[in-house]
PDB file of N, CA and C in Angstrom:
ATOM      1  N   UNK A   1     104.065 111.280 100.449  1.00  0.00           N
ATOM      2  CA  UNK A   1     104.333 110.038  99.692  1.00  0.00           C
ATOM      3  C   UNK A   1     105.665 110.221  98.870  1.00  0.00           C
ATOM      4  N   UNK A   2     105.749 111.335  98.273  1.00  0.00           N
ATOM      5  CA  UNK A   2     106.952 111.581  97.416  1.00  0.00           C
ATOM      6  C   UNK A   2     108.284 111.537  98.172  1.00  0.00           C
ATOM      7  N   UNK A   3     108.162 112.096  99.467  1.00  0.00           N
ATOM      8  CA  UNK A   3     109.328 112.062 100.339  1.00  0.00           C
ATOM      9  C   UNK A   3     109.722 110.665 100.667  1.00  0.00           C
ATOM     10  N   UNK A   4     108.683 109.804 100.962  1.00  0.00           N
ATOM     11  CA  UNK A   4     109.056 108.411 101.279  1.00  0.00           C
ATOM     12  C   UNK A   4     109.643 107.723 100.104  1.00  0.00           C
ATOM     13  N   UNK A   5     109.139 108.086  98.887  1.00  0.00           N
ATOM     14  CA  UNK A   5     109.677 107.405  97.648  1.00  0.00           C
ATOM     15  C   UNK A   5     111.105 107.840  97.423  1.00  0.00           C
ATOM     16  N   UNK A   6     111.352 109.113  97.601  1.00  0.00           N
ATOM     17  CA  UNK A   6     112.758 109.590  97.491  1.00  0.00           C
ATOM     18  C   UNK A   6     113.699 108.896  98.481  1.00  0.00           C
ATOM     19  N   UNK A   7     113.187 108.788  99.748  1.00  0.00           N
ATOM     20  CA  UNK A   7     113.979 108.210 100.748  1.00  0.00           C
ATOM     21  C   UNK A   7     114.313 106.740 100.422  1.00  0.00           C
ATOM     22  N   UNK A   8     113.260 106.088  99.925  1.00  0.00           N
ATOM     23  CA  UNK A   8     113.457 104.651  99.524  1.00  0.00           C
ATOM     24  C   UNK A   8     114.447 104.565  98.384  1.00  0.00           C
ATOM     25  N   UNK A   9     114.350 105.506  97.393  1.00  0.00           N
ATOM     26  CA  UNK A   9     115.279 105.475  96.274  1.00  0.00           C
ATOM     27  C   UNK A   9     116.699 105.679  96.766  1.00  0.00           C
ATOM     28  N   UNK A  10     116.898 106.569  97.737  1.00  0.00           N
ATOM     29  CA  UNK A  10     118.245 106.777  98.251  1.00  0.00           C
ATOM     30  C   UNK A  10     118.781 105.567  98.953  1.00  0.00           C
ATOM     31  N   UNK A  11     117.887 104.848  99.632  1.00  0.00           N
ATOM     32  CA  UNK A  11     118.368 103.606 100.307  1.00  0.00           C
ATOM     33  C   UNK A  11     118.725 102.567  99.284  1.00  0.00           C
ATOM     34  N   UNK A  12     117.940 102.448  98.193  1.00  0.00           N
ATOM     35  CA  UNK A  12     118.249 101.472  97.118  1.00  0.00           C
ATOM     36  C   UNK A  12     119.528 101.845  96.469  1.00  0.00           C
ATOM     37  N   UNK A  13     119.752 103.158  96.215  1.00  0.00           N
ATOM     38  CA  UNK A  13     120.976 103.570  95.601  1.00  0.00           C
ATOM     39  C   UNK A  13     122.210 103.211  96.476  1.00  0.00           C
ATOM     40  N   UNK A  14     122.008 103.350  97.763  1.00  0.00           N
ATOM     41  CA  UNK A  14     123.069 103.026  98.767  1.00  0.00           C
ATOM     42  C   UNK A  14     123.376 101.514  98.668  1.00  0.00           C
ATOM     43  N   UNK A  15     122.317 100.752  98.512  1.00  0.00           N
ATOM     44  CA  UNK A  15     122.493  99.257  98.315  1.00  0.00           C
ATOM     45  C   UNK A  15     123.233  98.975  97.052  1.00  0.00           C
ATOM     46  N   UNK A  16     122.886  99.714  96.014  1.00  0.00           N
ATOM     47  CA  UNK A  16     123.549  99.478  94.674  1.00  0.00           C
ATOM     48  C   UNK A  16     125.046  99.807  94.784  1.00  0.00           C
ATOM     49  N   UNK A  17     125.378 100.851  95.454  1.00  0.00           N
ATOM     50  CA  UNK A  17     126.760 101.282  95.691  1.00  0.00           C
ATOM     51  C   UNK A  17     127.542 100.145  96.347  1.00  0.00           C
ATOM     52  N   UNK A  18     126.947  99.441  97.203  1.00  0.00           N
ATOM     53  CA  UNK A  18     127.569  98.321  97.912  1.00  0.00           C
ATOM     54  C   UNK A  18     127.536  96.996  97.125  1.00  0.00           C
ATOM     55  N   UNK A  19     126.449  96.799  96.385  1.00  0.00           N
ATOM     56  CA  UNK A  19     126.261  95.558  95.614  1.00  0.00           C
ATOM     57  C   UNK A  19     125.765  95.890  94.222  1.00  0.00           C
ATOM     58  N   UNK A  20     126.623  96.237  93.364  1.00  0.00           N
ATOM     59  CA  UNK A  20     126.166  96.532  91.912  1.00  0.00           C
ATOM     60  C   UNK A  20     125.375  95.362  91.329  1.00  0.00           C
ATOM     61  N   UNK A  21     124.236  95.640  90.736  1.00  0.00           N
ATOM     62  CA  UNK A  21     123.453  94.665  90.191  1.00  0.00           C
ATOM     63  C   UNK A  21     122.550  95.210  89.032  1.00  0.00           C
ATOM     64  N   UNK A  22     122.664  94.760  87.813  1.00  0.00           N
ATOM     65  CA  UNK A  22     121.868  95.286  86.683  1.00  0.00           C
ATOM     66  C   UNK A  22     120.366  95.387  87.015  1.00  0.00           C
ATOM     67  N   UNK A  23     119.921  94.358  87.731  1.00  0.00           N
ATOM     68  CA  UNK A  23     118.496  94.367  88.075  1.00  0.00           C
ATOM     69  C   UNK A  23     118.097  95.483  88.927  1.00  0.00           C
ATOM     70  N   UNK A  24     118.916  95.936  89.872  1.00  0.00           N
ATOM     71  CA  UNK A  24     118.686  97.109  90.661  1.00  0.00           C
ATOM     72  C   UNK A  24     118.755  98.368  89.832  1.00  0.00           C
ATOM     73  N   UNK A  25     119.634  98.369  88.818  1.00  0.00           N
ATOM     74  CA  UNK A  25     119.744  99.553  87.934  1.00  0.00           C
ATOM     75  C   UNK A  25     118.397  99.646  87.157  1.00  0.00           C
ATOM     76  N   UNK A  26     117.897  98.559  86.676  1.00  0.00           N
ATOM     77  CA  UNK A  26     116.593  98.665  85.943  1.00  0.00           C
ATOM     78  C   UNK A  26     115.488  99.117  86.901  1.00  0.00           C
ATOM     79  N   UNK A  27     115.513  98.599  88.123  1.00  0.00           N
ATOM     80  CA  UNK A  27     114.517  98.961  89.103  1.00  0.00           C
ATOM     81  C   UNK A  27     114.497 100.463  89.362  1.00  0.00           C
ATOM     82  N   UNK A  28     115.706 101.029  89.514  1.00  0.00           N
ATOM     83  CA  UNK A  28     115.836 102.503  89.765  1.00  0.00           C
ATOM     84  C   UNK A  28     115.328 103.242  88.516  1.00  0.00           C
ATOM     85  N   UNK A  29     115.703 102.729  87.384  1.00  0.00           N
ATOM     86  CA  UNK A  29     115.268 103.388  86.096  1.00  0.00           C
ATOM     87  C   UNK A  29     113.787 103.466  86.027  1.00  0.00           C
ATOM     88  N   UNK A  30     113.078 102.384  86.426  1.00  0.00           N
ATOM     89  CA  UNK A  30     111.606 102.320  86.409  1.00  0.00           C
ATOM     90  C   UNK A  30     111.060 103.288  87.412  1.00  0.00           C
ATOM     91  N   UNK A  31     111.711 103.405  88.618  1.00  0.00           N
ATOM     92  CA  UNK A  31     111.183 104.348  89.648  1.00  0.00           C
ATOM     93  C   UNK A  31     111.362 105.732  89.141  1.00  0.00           C
ATOM     94  N   UNK A  32     112.457 106.141  88.574  1.00  0.00           N
ATOM     95  CA  UNK A  32     112.674 107.550  88.135  1.00  0.00           C
ATOM     96  C   UNK A  32     111.625 107.837  87.029  1.00  0.00           C
ATOM     97  N   UNK A  33     111.384 106.912  86.180  1.00  0.00           N
ATOM     98  CA  UNK A  33     110.353 107.131  85.099  1.00  0.00           C
ATOM     99  C   UNK A  33     108.960 107.280  85.674  1.00  0.00           C
ATOM    100  N   UNK A  34     108.703 106.525  86.795  1.00  0.00           N
ATOM    101  CA  UNK A  34     107.398 106.564  87.451  1.00  0.00           C
ATOM    102  C   UNK A  34     107.144 107.948  88.050  1.00  0.00           C
ATOM    103  N   UNK A  35     108.202 108.528  88.601  1.00  0.00           N
ATOM    104  CA  UNK A  35     108.170 109.890  89.169  1.00  0.00           C
ATOM    105  C   UNK A  35     107.916 110.898  88.030  1.00  0.00           C
TER     106      UNK A  35
END
């Protein structure tokens, strides 16, 4: 499960690098806190 979560996080980070968006930043922040 954790591996899938990390893989998903990396995909989202890749999306952020292409399309910066404060909402995505907050989303990542919540995911990191969840871990």
